[in-house]
């Protein structure tokens, strides 16, 4: 099952996370910025799929676009 990005005030202060985990979208962005590949992330966190990581990236891209429109 591919995890959606969700917000839960009881988990990580309501930051966007991958559903059913404590892995935030920001964390995914940071580890990719640090040089990890999607395959390395999935190997390090086997409860994630490539599609989960892709969902986090897509969520971040959409939020970035929305923020740019407000400026």
C-alpha atoms as a PDB file:
ATOM      1  CA  UNK A   1       0.000   0.000   0.000  1.00  0.00           C
ATOM      2  CA  UNK A   2       1.355   3.399  -0.955  1.00  0.00           C
ATOM      3  CA  UNK A   3       1.338   5.874   1.898  1.00  0.00           C
ATOM      4  CA  UNK A   4      -0.308   9.260   1.487  1.00  0.00           C
ATOM      5  CA  UNK A   5       1.013  12.456   2.993  1.00  0.00           C
ATOM      6  CA  UNK A   6      -1.106  13.346   6.008  1.00  0.00           C
ATOM      7  CA  UNK A   7      -1.071  15.749   8.939  1.00  0.00           C
ATOM      8  CA  UNK A   8      -1.860  14.619  12.461  1.00  0.00           C
ATOM      9  CA  UNK A   9      -1.539  17.122  15.314  1.00  0.00           C
ATOM     10  CA  UNK A  10      -0.545  14.235  17.597  1.00  0.00           C
ATOM     11  CA  UNK A  11       2.427  13.246  15.404  1.00  0.00           C
ATOM     12  CA  UNK A  12       5.470  15.518  14.965  1.00  0.00           C
ATOM     13  CA  UNK A  13       3.418  18.579  15.868  1.00  0.00           C
ATOM     14  CA  UNK A  14       1.217  18.268  12.799  1.00  0.00           C
ATOM     15  CA  UNK A  15       4.017  18.347  10.227  1.00  0.00           C
ATOM     16  CA  UNK A  16       3.230  16.574   6.943  1.00  0.00           C
ATOM     17  CA  UNK A  17       4.254  12.920   7.306  1.00  0.00           C
ATOM     18  CA  UNK A  18       3.959   9.727   5.329  1.00  0.00           C
ATOM     19  CA  UNK A  19       0.809   8.007   6.530  1.00  0.00           C
ATOM     20  CA  UNK A  20       1.346   5.495   9.329  1.00  0.00           C
ATOM     21  CA  UNK A  21       4.921   6.629   9.979  1.00  0.00           C
ATOM     22  CA  UNK A  22       6.827   9.327  11.817  1.00  0.00           C
ATOM     23  CA  UNK A  23       8.754  10.189   8.651  1.00  0.00           C
ATOM     24  CA  UNK A  24       8.130  13.772   7.631  1.00  0.00           C
ATOM     25  CA  UNK A  25       8.196  15.232   4.157  1.00  0.00           C
ATOM     26  CA  UNK A  26      10.922  17.585   5.401  1.00  0.00           C
ATOM     27  CA  UNK A  27      13.039  14.598   6.456  1.00  0.00           C
ATOM     28  CA  UNK A  28      12.706  13.030   3.013  1.00  0.00           C
ATOM     29  CA  UNK A  29      13.796  16.314   1.415  1.00  0.00           C
ATOM     30  CA  UNK A  30      16.756  16.638   3.778  1.00  0.00           C
ATOM     31  CA  UNK A  31      18.109  13.157   3.150  1.00  0.00           C
ATOM     32  CA  UNK A  32      17.761  13.561  -0.610  1.00  0.00           C
ATOM     33  CA  UNK A  33      19.481  16.953  -0.394  1.00  0.00           C
ATOM     34  CA  UNK A  34      22.196  15.202   1.606  1.00  0.00           C
ATOM     35  CA  UNK A  35      22.831  12.819  -1.262  1.00  0.00           C
ATOM     36  CA  UNK A  36      20.721   9.746  -0.482  1.00  0.00           C
ATOM     37  CA  UNK A  37      18.978   8.148  -3.413  1.00  0.00           C
ATOM     38  CA  UNK A  38      15.424   6.882  -3.345  1.00  0.00           C
ATOM     39  CA  UNK A  39      16.780   3.322  -3.381  1.00  0.00           C
ATOM     40  CA  UNK A  40      18.989   4.091  -0.367  1.00  0.00           C
ATOM     41  CA  UNK A  41      16.049   5.598   1.532  1.00  0.00           C
ATOM     42  CA  UNK A  42      13.916   2.516   0.868  1.00  0.00           C
ATOM     43  CA  UNK A  43      16.803   0.255   1.941  1.00  0.00           C
ATOM     44  CA  UNK A  44      17.294   2.271   5.151  1.00  0.00           C
ATOM     45  CA  UNK A  45      13.557   2.461   5.876  1.00  0.00           C
ATOM     46  CA  UNK A  46      12.110  -0.803   4.517  1.00  0.00           C
ATOM     47  CA  UNK A  47       8.558   0.103   5.550  1.00  0.00           C
ATOM     48  CA  UNK A  48       8.668   2.747   2.789  1.00  0.00           C
ATOM     49  CA  UNK A  49       8.314   2.197  -0.937  1.00  0.00           C
ATOM     50  CA  UNK A  50       9.701   4.190  -3.824  1.00  0.00           C
ATOM     51  CA  UNK A  51       6.157   5.446  -4.379  1.00  0.00           C
ATOM     52  CA  UNK A  52       6.015   6.708  -0.779  1.00  0.00           C
ATOM     53  CA  UNK A  53       9.157   8.768  -1.317  1.00  0.00           C
ATOM     54  CA  UNK A  54       7.769  10.015  -4.630  1.00  0.00           C
ATOM     55  CA  UNK A  55       4.556  11.072  -2.870  1.00  0.00           C
ATOM     56  CA  UNK A  56       6.582  13.087  -0.353  1.00  0.00           C
ATOM     57  CA  UNK A  57       8.473  14.814  -3.164  1.00  0.00           C
ATOM     58  CA  UNK A  58       5.286  15.543  -5.103  1.00  0.00           C
ATOM     59  CA  UNK A  59       3.658  16.966  -1.967  1.00  0.00           C
ATOM     60  CA  UNK A  60       6.652  19.250  -1.385  1.00  0.00           C
ATOM     61  CA  UNK A  61       6.643  20.424  -5.011  1.00  0.00           C
ATOM     62  CA  UNK A  62       2.933  21.285  -4.861  1.00  0.00           C
ATOM     63  CA  UNK A  63       3.379  23.170  -1.589  1.00  0.00           C
ATOM     64  CA  UNK A  64       6.321  25.075  -3.062  1.00  0.00           C
ATOM     65  CA  UNK A  65       4.224  26.069  -6.083  1.00  0.00           C
ATOM     66  CA  UNK A  66       1.365  27.183  -3.818  1.00  0.00           C
ATOM     67  CA  UNK A  67       3.743  29.274  -1.706  1.00  0.00           C
ATOM     68  CA  UNK A  68       5.221  30.962  -4.778  1.00  0.00           C
ATOM     69  CA  UNK A  69       1.745  32.004  -5.905  1.00  0.00           C
ATOM     70  CA  UNK A  70       1.126  33.763  -2.589  1.00  0.00           C
ATOM     71  CA  UNK A  71       4.285  35.902  -2.778  1.00  0.00           C
END
